[in-house]
């Protein structure tokens, strides 16, 4: 696997990263939505003892349009991707004054090229 998107900020956050306890290294998933939007979900382990229960997914936001357009063929064709949270920036620590979450996407670039060619 190689980096397809080194770091992409989420355009719209659906949760407060502090309250949702989002941290770098969290496993994420990309899911396609209508109109070219890619939604990002973070995996949450079960809170039951001994690992009982199943994973749940928390919607954290949508990917910025440029990154979504680039990765959309891979998501639509269910290609294997490794998605992780790489940066969480709180509002009081940046000049913009809002929370920010960034992800990275790893996969096989050759598969992405084939998926793009198949979409055309």
Protein backbone atom coordinates (compact mmCIF):
# COMPACT_ATOMS: atom_id res chain seq x y z
CA UNK A 1 0.00 0.00 0.00
CA UNK A 2 1.09 3.53 -0.70
CA UNK A 3 -0.31 6.90 0.33
CA UNK A 4 -3.08 8.06 -1.98
CA UNK A 5 -4.01 11.06 0.16
CA UNK A 6 -1.27 12.09 2.58
CA UNK A 7 -3.49 14.40 4.63
CA UNK A 8 -6.94 15.76 3.85
CA UNK A 9 -9.03 17.89 6.19
CA UNK A 10 -12.72 17.16 6.63
CA UNK A 11 -14.79 19.92 5.08
CA UNK A 12 -17.73 19.64 7.48
CA UNK A 13 -17.49 18.16 10.96
CA UNK A 14 -20.59 16.43 12.33
CA UNK A 15 -19.28 16.00 15.89
CA UNK A 16 -17.13 17.77 18.45
CA UNK A 17 -13.80 15.88 18.31
CA UNK A 18 -13.23 16.35 22.05
CA UNK A 19 -16.57 14.90 23.11
CA UNK A 20 -16.37 12.08 20.55
CA UNK A 21 -12.83 11.26 21.77
CA UNK A 22 -11.37 11.24 18.26
CA UNK A 23 -7.60 10.90 18.25
CA UNK A 24 -4.80 10.31 15.74
CA UNK A 25 -4.56 6.67 14.74
CA UNK A 26 -8.29 5.98 14.92
CA UNK A 27 -9.49 3.64 12.17
CA UNK A 28 -11.94 5.28 9.76
CA UNK A 29 -14.15 4.24 6.86
CA UNK A 30 -15.20 6.11 3.74
CA UNK A 31 -18.76 5.74 2.47
CA UNK A 32 -20.13 7.28 -0.73
CA UNK A 33 -23.16 9.54 -0.57
CA UNK A 34 -25.18 11.10 -3.40
CA UNK A 35 -23.82 14.12 -5.29
CA UNK A 36 -20.17 13.04 -5.00
CA UNK A 37 -19.91 13.46 -1.24
CA UNK A 38 -17.73 11.03 0.75
CA UNK A 39 -18.69 10.62 4.41
CA UNK A 40 -16.09 9.61 7.00
CA UNK A 41 -16.98 7.28 9.87
CA UNK A 42 -14.73 6.32 12.81
CA UNK A 43 -14.83 2.81 14.27
CA UNK A 44 -15.83 2.55 17.92
CA UNK A 45 -15.15 -0.58 19.97
CA UNK A 46 -17.93 -2.12 22.02
CA UNK A 47 -18.09 -0.92 25.60
CA UNK A 48 -19.10 -4.37 26.86
CA UNK A 49 -16.57 -6.32 28.93
CA UNK A 50 -14.32 -8.99 27.42
CA UNK A 51 -14.72 -7.60 23.90
CA UNK A 52 -18.32 -8.72 23.61
CA UNK A 53 -20.53 -6.82 21.22
CA UNK A 54 -19.80 -5.44 17.82
CA UNK A 55 -18.13 -2.41 16.32
CA UNK A 56 -20.16 0.73 15.93
CA UNK A 57 -19.47 3.58 13.56
CA UNK A 58 -19.63 7.29 14.37
CA UNK A 59 -20.15 9.75 11.53
CA UNK A 60 -17.57 12.49 11.97
CA UNK A 61 -17.95 14.51 8.77
CA UNK A 62 -17.47 14.77 5.02
CA UNK A 63 -14.29 14.83 2.99
CA UNK A 64 -13.32 18.04 1.19
CA UNK A 65 -14.57 18.08 -2.45
CA UNK A 66 -11.17 17.85 -4.18
CA UNK A 67 -10.09 14.81 -2.15
CA UNK A 68 -13.54 13.24 -2.51
CA UNK A 69 -13.41 13.53 -6.30
CA UNK A 70 -9.96 11.91 -6.34
CA UNK A 71 -10.83 8.94 -4.12
CA UNK A 72 -14.45 8.41 -5.27
CA UNK A 73 -13.65 5.69 -7.90
CA UNK A 74 -11.89 3.58 -5.25
CA UNK A 75 -14.77 3.94 -2.79
CA UNK A 76 -17.41 3.19 -5.44
CA UNK A 77 -15.57 0.02 -6.51
CA UNK A 78 -14.96 -1.13 -2.91
CA UNK A 79 -11.19 -1.23 -3.35
CA UNK A 80 -9.18 -2.03 -0.20
CA UNK A 81 -8.22 1.23 1.50
CA UNK A 82 -6.55 1.97 4.82
CA UNK A 83 -8.01 5.14 6.31
CA UNK A 84 -6.75 6.67 9.56
CA UNK A 85 -7.20 9.91 11.48
CA UNK A 86 -3.83 11.70 11.34
CA UNK A 87 -4.54 15.04 13.00
CA UNK A 88 -7.08 16.52 15.37
CA UNK A 89 -6.80 20.26 15.92
CA UNK A 90 -8.92 21.96 18.55
CA UNK A 91 -10.45 25.39 17.96
CA UNK A 92 -8.38 27.16 20.60
CA UNK A 93 -5.14 25.96 19.00
CA UNK A 94 -5.55 27.32 15.47
CA UNK A 95 -5.99 30.73 13.90
CA UNK A 96 -9.29 29.81 12.18
CA UNK A 97 -11.06 29.29 15.49
CA UNK A 98 -12.76 26.00 14.59
CA UNK A 99 -12.07 22.33 15.20
CA UNK A 100 -10.36 20.36 12.41
CA UNK A 101 -9.86 16.65 11.74
CA UNK A 102 -7.60 15.31 8.99
CA UNK A 103 -7.35 11.79 7.59
CA UNK A 104 -4.92 9.87 5.41
CA UNK A 105 -5.87 7.26 2.82
CA UNK A 106 -3.58 4.44 1.75
CA UNK A 107 -4.18 1.98 -1.06
CA UNK A 108 -2.80 0.62 -4.29
CA UNK A 109 -2.36 3.42 -6.85
CA UNK A 110 -2.53 0.93 -9.74
CA UNK A 111 -5.99 -0.21 -8.60
CA UNK A 112 -7.12 3.41 -8.38
CA UNK A 113 -6.02 4.01 -11.98
CA UNK A 114 -7.95 0.93 -13.15
CA UNK A 115 -11.06 2.05 -11.26
CA UNK A 116 -10.84 5.52 -12.81
CA UNK A 117 -10.44 4.05 -16.30
CA UNK A 118 -13.41 1.73 -15.73
CA UNK A 119 -15.56 4.68 -14.63
CA UNK A 120 -14.89 6.51 -17.90
